[in-house]
Amino acid sequence: MNTEMFENGLKALEVNDYHAALRDFTIVLRELHQHDEHYNNVASYVGLAQVLTSNRNGLLLCRDAAS
């Protein structure tokens, strides 16, 4: 997992830069295989960032990550 990019996404969330967070988390998620142990965690952050950028599809992603 690209921990540097993930941490950049977390920092972007802290300063309410949701578009940057979405970009960073999406990059990390694309690098992971669906069965990777970090996949659902990263997917939930992508979903959160989507919701925070007014994309309601993020709720579906969060729900899938939780199941």
PDB file of N, CA and C in Angstrom:
ATOM      1  N   MET A   1       0.845  -1.179   0.000  1.00  0.00           N
ATOM      2  CA  MET A   1       0.000   0.000   0.000  1.00  0.00           C
ATOM      3  C   MET A   1       0.890   1.240   0.000  1.00  0.00           C
ATOM      4  N   ASN A   2       0.474   2.234  -0.741  1.00  0.00           N
ATOM      5  CA  ASN A   2       1.209   3.491  -0.815  1.00  0.00           C
ATOM      6  C   ASN A   2       0.861   4.326   0.427  1.00  0.00           C
ATOM      7  N   THR A   3       1.615   4.109   1.503  1.00  0.00           N
ATOM      8  CA  THR A   3       1.291   4.776   2.768  1.00  0.00           C
ATOM      9  C   THR A   3       1.489   6.287   2.694  1.00  0.00           C
ATOM     10  N   GLU A   4       2.444   6.733   1.910  1.00  0.00           N
ATOM     11  CA  GLU A   4       2.666   8.177   1.792  1.00  0.00           C
ATOM     12  C   GLU A   4       1.443   8.863   1.171  1.00  0.00           C
ATOM     13  N   MET A   5       0.901   8.276   0.124  1.00  0.00           N
ATOM     14  CA  MET A   5      -0.267   8.854  -0.533  1.00  0.00           C
ATOM     15  C   MET A   5      -1.486   8.776   0.390  1.00  0.00           C
ATOM     16  N   PHE A   6      -1.605   7.680   1.134  1.00  0.00           N
ATOM     17  CA  PHE A   6      -2.717   7.540   2.082  1.00  0.00           C
ATOM     18  C   PHE A   6      -2.627   8.621   3.160  1.00  0.00           C
ATOM     19  N   GLU A   7      -1.445   8.838   3.690  1.00  0.00           N
ATOM     20  CA  GLU A   7      -1.240   9.874   4.703  1.00  0.00           C
ATOM     21  C   GLU A   7      -1.524  11.265   4.141  1.00  0.00           C
ATOM     22  N   ASN A   8      -1.173  11.485   2.867  1.00  0.00           N
ATOM     23  CA  ASN A   8      -1.501  12.764   2.224  1.00  0.00           C
ATOM     24  C   ASN A   8      -3.019  12.950   2.184  1.00  0.00           C
ATOM     25  N   GLY A   9      -3.746  11.873   1.904  1.00  0.00           N
ATOM     26  CA  GLY A   9      -5.204  11.940   1.896  1.00  0.00           C
ATOM     27  C   GLY A   9      -5.753  12.292   3.269  1.00  0.00           C
ATOM     28  N   LEU A  10      -5.190  11.694   4.309  1.00  0.00           N
ATOM     29  CA  LEU A  10      -5.631  12.006   5.671  1.00  0.00           C
ATOM     30  C   LEU A  10      -5.370  13.471   6.017  1.00  0.00           C
ATOM     31  N   LYS A  11      -4.203  13.966   5.612  1.00  0.00           N
ATOM     32  CA  LYS A  11      -3.876  15.374   5.868  1.00  0.00           C
ATOM     33  C   LYS A  11      -4.828  16.301   5.108  1.00  0.00           C
ATOM     34  N   ALA A  12      -5.162  15.916   3.885  1.00  0.00           N
ATOM     35  CA  ALA A  12      -6.102  16.724   3.101  1.00  0.00           C
ATOM     36  C   ALA A  12      -7.475  16.760   3.781  1.00  0.00           C
ATOM     37  N   LEU A  13      -7.902  15.635   4.345  1.00  0.00           N
ATOM     38  CA  LEU A  13      -9.176  15.622   5.087  1.00  0.00           C
ATOM     39  C   LEU A  13      -9.126  16.575   6.276  1.00  0.00           C
ATOM     40  N   GLU A  14      -7.996  16.595   6.969  1.00  0.00           N
ATOM     41  CA  GLU A  14      -7.856  17.443   8.155  1.00  0.00           C
ATOM     42  C   GLU A  14      -8.034  18.918   7.837  1.00  0.00           C
ATOM     43  N   VAL A  15      -7.639  19.320   6.632  1.00  0.00           N
ATOM     44  CA  VAL A  15      -7.739  20.736   6.260  1.00  0.00           C
ATOM     45  C   VAL A  15      -8.929  20.994   5.325  1.00  0.00           C
ATOM     46  N   ASN A  16      -9.835  20.015   5.275  1.00  0.00           N
ATOM     47  CA  ASN A  16     -11.075  20.132   4.486  1.00  0.00           C
ATOM     48  C   ASN A  16     -10.836  20.281   2.984  1.00  0.00           C
ATOM     49  N   ASP A  17      -9.740  19.729   2.492  1.00  0.00           N
ATOM     50  CA  ASP A  17      -9.478  19.709   1.051  1.00  0.00           C
ATOM     51  C   ASP A  17      -9.950  18.357   0.524  1.00  0.00           C
ATOM     52  N   TYR A  18     -11.255  18.244   0.375  1.00  0.00           N
ATOM     53  CA  TYR A  18     -11.877  16.958   0.067  1.00  0.00           C
ATOM     54  C   TYR A  18     -11.547  16.442  -1.329  1.00  0.00           C
ATOM     55  N   HIS A  19     -11.380  17.331  -2.268  1.00  0.00           N
ATOM     56  CA  HIS A  19     -11.032  16.888  -3.622  1.00  0.00           C
ATOM     57  C   HIS A  19      -9.627  16.290  -3.653  1.00  0.00           C
ATOM     58  N   ALA A  20      -8.696  16.896  -2.932  1.00  0.00           N
ATOM     59  CA  ALA A  20      -7.336  16.345  -2.852  1.00  0.00           C
ATOM     60  C   ALA A  20      -7.355  15.007  -2.128  1.00  0.00           C
ATOM     61  N   ALA A  21      -8.145  14.908  -1.075  1.00  0.00           N
ATOM     62  CA  ALA A  21      -8.256  13.649  -0.337  1.00  0.00           C
ATOM     63  C   ALA A  21      -8.815  12.555  -1.242  1.00  0.00           C
ATOM     64  N   LEU A  22      -9.841  12.884  -2.002  1.00  0.00           N
ATOM     65  CA  LEU A  22     -10.440  11.914  -2.915  1.00  0.00           C
ATOM     66  C   LEU A  22      -9.408  11.448  -3.939  1.00  0.00           C
ATOM     67  N   ARG A  23      -8.653  12.372  -4.486  1.00  0.00           N
ATOM     68  CA  ARG A  23      -7.620  12.025  -5.462  1.00  0.00           C
ATOM     69  C   ARG A  23      -6.588  11.066  -4.856  1.00  0.00           C
ATOM     70  N   ASP A  24      -6.102  11.414  -3.669  1.00  0.00           N
ATOM     71  CA  ASP A  24      -5.057  10.600  -3.046  1.00  0.00           C
ATOM     72  C   ASP A  24      -5.570   9.220  -2.660  1.00  0.00           C
ATOM     73  N   PHE A  25      -6.743   9.150  -2.050  1.00  0.00           N
ATOM     74  CA  PHE A  25      -7.288   7.854  -1.654  1.00  0.00           C
ATOM     75  C   PHE A  25      -7.619   6.992  -2.869  1.00  0.00           C
ATOM     76  N   THR A  26      -8.086   7.605  -3.942  1.00  0.00           N
ATOM     77  CA  THR A  26      -8.401   6.857  -5.155  1.00  0.00           C
ATOM     78  C   THR A  26      -7.145   6.249  -5.762  1.00  0.00           C
ATOM     79  N   ILE A  27      -6.060   6.994  -5.742  1.00  0.00           N
ATOM     80  CA  ILE A  27      -4.781   6.471  -6.249  1.00  0.00           C
ATOM     81  C   ILE A  27      -4.367   5.242  -5.445  1.00  0.00           C
ATOM     82  N   VAL A  28      -4.471   5.337  -4.132  1.00  0.00           N
ATOM     83  CA  VAL A  28      -4.100   4.206  -3.280  1.00  0.00           C
ATOM     84  C   VAL A  28      -5.007   3.011  -3.566  1.00  0.00           C
ATOM     85  N   LEU A  29      -6.304   3.253  -3.673  1.00  0.00           N
ATOM     86  CA  LEU A  29      -7.253   2.164  -3.892  1.00  0.00           C
ATOM     87  C   LEU A  29      -6.993   1.455  -5.215  1.00  0.00           C
ATOM     88  N   ARG A  30      -6.662   2.201  -6.240  1.00  0.00           N
ATOM     89  CA  ARG A  30      -6.397   1.597  -7.555  1.00  0.00           C
ATOM     90  C   ARG A  30      -5.178   0.685  -7.544  1.00  0.00           C
ATOM     91  N   GLU A  31      -4.271   0.930  -6.622  1.00  0.00           N
ATOM     92  CA  GLU A  31      -3.066   0.111  -6.525  1.00  0.00           C
ATOM     93  C   GLU A  31      -3.291  -1.184  -5.748  1.00  0.00           C
ATOM     94  N   LEU A  32      -4.415  -1.279  -5.051  1.00  0.00           N
ATOM     95  CA  LEU A  32      -4.675  -2.444  -4.207  1.00  0.00           C
ATOM     96  C   LEU A  32      -5.536  -3.474  -4.925  1.00  0.00           C
ATOM     97  N   HIS A  33      -5.280  -4.717  -4.634  1.00  0.00           N
ATOM     98  CA  HIS A  33      -6.132  -5.800  -5.112  1.00  0.00           C
ATOM     99  C   HIS A  33      -7.332  -5.869  -4.169  1.00  0.00           C
ATOM    100  N   GLN A  34      -8.468  -6.259  -4.685  1.00  0.00           N
ATOM    101  CA  GLN A  34      -9.706  -6.275  -3.896  1.00  0.00           C
ATOM    102  C   GLN A  34      -9.593  -7.153  -2.647  1.00  0.00           C
ATOM    103  N   HIS A  35      -8.708  -8.122  -2.650  1.00  0.00           N
ATOM    104  CA  HIS A  35      -8.557  -9.011  -1.500  1.00  0.00           C
ATOM    105  C   HIS A  35      -7.427  -8.591  -0.566  1.00  0.00           C
ATOM    106  N   ASP A  36      -6.817  -7.444  -0.841  1.00  0.00           N
ATOM    107  CA  ASP A  36      -5.769  -6.912   0.034  1.00  0.00           C
ATOM    108  C   ASP A  36      -6.382  -6.551   1.381  1.00  0.00           C
ATOM    109  N   GLU A  37      -5.638  -6.752   2.443  1.00  0.00           N
ATOM    110  CA  GLU A  37      -6.153  -6.487   3.783  1.00  0.00           C
ATOM    111  C   GLU A  37      -6.504  -5.014   4.013  1.00  0.00           C
ATOM    112  N   HIS A  38      -5.946  -4.107   3.240  1.00  0.00           N
ATOM    113  CA  HIS A  38      -6.203  -2.675   3.408  1.00  0.00           C
ATOM    114  C   HIS A  38      -7.312  -2.155   2.487  1.00  0.00           C
ATOM    115  N   TYR A  39      -7.781  -2.998   1.591  1.00  0.00           N
ATOM    116  CA  TYR A  39      -8.714  -2.547   0.555  1.00  0.00           C
ATOM    117  C   TYR A  39      -9.975  -1.904   1.141  1.00  0.00           C
ATOM    118  N   ASN A  40     -10.645  -2.573   2.061  1.00  0.00           N
ATOM    119  CA  ASN A  40     -11.898  -2.036   2.594  1.00  0.00           C
ATOM    120  C   ASN A  40     -11.688  -0.742   3.371  1.00  0.00           C
ATOM    121  N   ASN A  41     -10.576  -0.654   4.081  1.00  0.00           N
ATOM    122  CA  ASN A  41     -10.280   0.572   4.822  1.00  0.00           C
ATOM    123  C   ASN A  41     -10.111   1.752   3.867  1.00  0.00           C
ATOM    124  N   VAL A  42      -9.306   1.544   2.835  1.00  0.00           N
ATOM    125  CA  VAL A  42      -9.069   2.610   1.862  1.00  0.00           C
ATOM    126  C   VAL A  42     -10.357   2.927   1.100  1.00  0.00           C
ATOM    127  N   ALA A  43     -11.115   1.903   0.752  1.00  0.00           N
ATOM    128  CA  ALA A  43     -12.382   2.114   0.042  1.00  0.00           C
ATOM    129  C   ALA A  43     -13.335   2.961   0.873  1.00  0.00           C
ATOM    130  N   SER A  44     -13.337   2.764   2.189  1.00  0.00           N
ATOM    131  CA  SER A  44     -14.218   3.569   3.034  1.00  0.00           C
ATOM    132  C   SER A  44     -13.800   5.045   3.026  1.00  0.00           C
ATOM    133  N   TYR A  45     -12.497   5.300   2.962  1.00  0.00           N
ATOM    134  CA  TYR A  45     -12.031   6.685   2.869  1.00  0.00           C
ATOM    135  C   TYR A  45     -12.372   7.306   1.521  1.00  0.00           C
ATOM    136  N   VAL A  46     -12.281   6.504   0.462  1.00  0.00           N
ATOM    137  CA  VAL A  46     -12.691   7.004  -0.857  1.00  0.00           C
ATOM    138  C   VAL A  46     -14.171   7.359  -0.811  1.00  0.00           C
ATOM    139  N   GLY A  47     -14.980   6.473  -0.226  1.00  0.00           N
ATOM    140  CA  GLY A  47     -16.416   6.743  -0.101  1.00  0.00           C
ATOM    141  C   GLY A  47     -16.697   7.992   0.703  1.00  0.00           C
ATOM    142  N   LEU A  48     -16.006   8.148   1.815  1.00  0.00           N
ATOM    143  CA  LEU A  48     -16.175   9.352   2.635  1.00  0.00           C
ATOM    144  C   LEU A  48     -15.833  10.607   1.841  1.00  0.00           C
ATOM    145  N   ALA A  49     -14.709  10.577   1.160  1.00  0.00           N
ATOM    146  CA  ALA A  49     -14.295  11.743   0.370  1.00  0.00           C
ATOM    147  C   ALA A  49     -15.296  12.021  -0.750  1.00  0.00           C
ATOM    148  N   GLN A  50     -15.858  10.962  -1.337  1.00  0.00           N
ATOM    149  CA  GLN A  50     -16.875  11.165  -2.364  1.00  0.00           C
ATOM    150  C   GLN A  50     -18.096  11.873  -1.788  1.00  0.00           C
ATOM    151  N   VAL A  51     -18.543  11.429  -0.638  1.00  0.00           N
ATOM    152  CA  VAL A  51     -19.702  12.061  -0.004  1.00  0.00           C
ATOM    153  C   VAL A  51     -19.396  13.521   0.318  1.00  0.00           C
ATOM    154  N   LEU A  52     -18.203  13.784   0.802  1.00  0.00           N
ATOM    155  CA  LEU A  52     -17.830  15.150   1.165  1.00  0.00           C
ATOM    156  C   LEU A  52     -17.675  16.059  -0.049  1.00  0.00           C
ATOM    157  N   THR A  53     -17.541  15.459  -1.230  1.00  0.00           N
ATOM    158  CA  THR A  53     -17.493  16.252  -2.464  1.00  0.00           C
ATOM    159  C   THR A  53     -18.835  16.181  -3.192  1.00  0.00           C
ATOM    160  N   SER A  54     -19.881  15.844  -2.448  1.00  0.00           N
ATOM    161  CA  SER A  54     -21.268  15.821  -2.948  1.00  0.00           C
ATOM    162  C   SER A  54     -21.554  14.701  -3.941  1.00  0.00           C
ATOM    163  N   ASN A  55     -20.810  13.624  -3.865  1.00  0.00           N
ATOM    164  CA  ASN A  55     -21.062  12.458  -4.714  1.00  0.00           C
ATOM    165  C   ASN A  55     -21.730  11.396  -3.845  1.00  0.00           C
ATOM    166  N   ARG A  56     -23.017  11.211  -4.022  1.00  0.00           N
ATOM    167  CA  ARG A  56     -23.767  10.283  -3.179  1.00  0.00           C
ATOM    168  C   ARG A  56     -23.379   8.830  -3.390  1.00  0.00           C
ATOM    169  N   ASN A  57     -22.695   8.526  -4.489  1.00  0.00           N
ATOM    170  CA  ASN A  57     -22.239   7.156  -4.705  1.00  0.00           C
ATOM    171  C   ASN A  57     -21.251   6.713  -3.631  1.00  0.00           C
ATOM    172  N   GLY A  58     -20.685   7.677  -2.940  1.00  0.00           N
ATOM    173  CA  GLY A  58     -19.769   7.345  -1.853  1.00  0.00           C
ATOM    174  C   GLY A  58     -20.437   6.544  -0.755  1.00  0.00           C
ATOM    175  N   LEU A  59     -21.730   6.759  -0.563  1.00  0.00           N
ATOM    176  CA  LEU A  59     -22.453   5.975   0.437  1.00  0.00           C
ATOM    177  C   LEU A  59     -22.462   4.498   0.071  1.00  0.00           C
ATOM    178  N   LEU A  60     -22.617   4.205  -1.207  1.00  0.00           N
ATOM    179  CA  LEU A  60     -22.597   2.808  -1.652  1.00  0.00           C
ATOM    180  C   LEU A  60     -21.229   2.188  -1.420  1.00  0.00           C
ATOM    181  N   LEU A  61     -20.201   2.948  -1.701  1.00  0.00           N
ATOM    182  CA  LEU A  61     -18.843   2.445  -1.506  1.00  0.00           C
ATOM    183  C   LEU A  61     -18.565   2.186  -0.024  1.00  0.00           C
ATOM    184  N   CYS A  62     -19.026   3.084   0.837  1.00  0.00           N
ATOM    185  CA  CYS A  62     -18.857   2.887   2.277  1.00  0.00           C
ATOM    186  C   CYS A  62     -19.604   1.647   2.740  1.00  0.00           C
ATOM    187  N   ARG A  63     -20.812   1.455   2.225  1.00  0.00           N
ATOM    188  CA  ARG A  63     -21.602   0.300   2.605  1.00  0.00           C
ATOM    189  C   ARG A  63     -20.907  -0.995   2.144  1.00  0.00           C
ATOM    190  N   ASP A  64     -20.396  -0.996   0.929  1.00  0.00           N
ATOM    191  CA  ASP A  64     -19.691  -2.174   0.429  1.00  0.00           C
ATOM    192  C   ASP A  64     -18.426  -2.456   1.252  1.00  0.00           C
ATOM    193  N   ALA A  65     -17.733  -1.416   1.632  1.00  0.00           N
ATOM    194  CA  ALA A  65     -16.503  -1.583   2.407  1.00  0.00           C
ATOM    195  C   ALA A  65     -16.800  -2.140   3.795  1.00  0.00           C
ATOM    196  N   ALA A  66     -17.960  -1.800   4.335  1.00  0.00           N
ATOM    197  CA  ALA A  66     -18.328  -2.251   5.667  1.00  0.00           C
ATOM    198  C   ALA A  66     -18.814  -3.695   5.688  1.00  0.00           C
ATOM    199  N   SER A  67     -19.231  -4.193   4.530  1.00  0.00           N
ATOM    200  CA  SER A  67     -19.789  -5.554   4.531  1.00  0.00           C
ATOM    201  C   SER A  67     -18.751  -6.613   4.269  1.00  0.00           C
TER     202      SER A  67
END
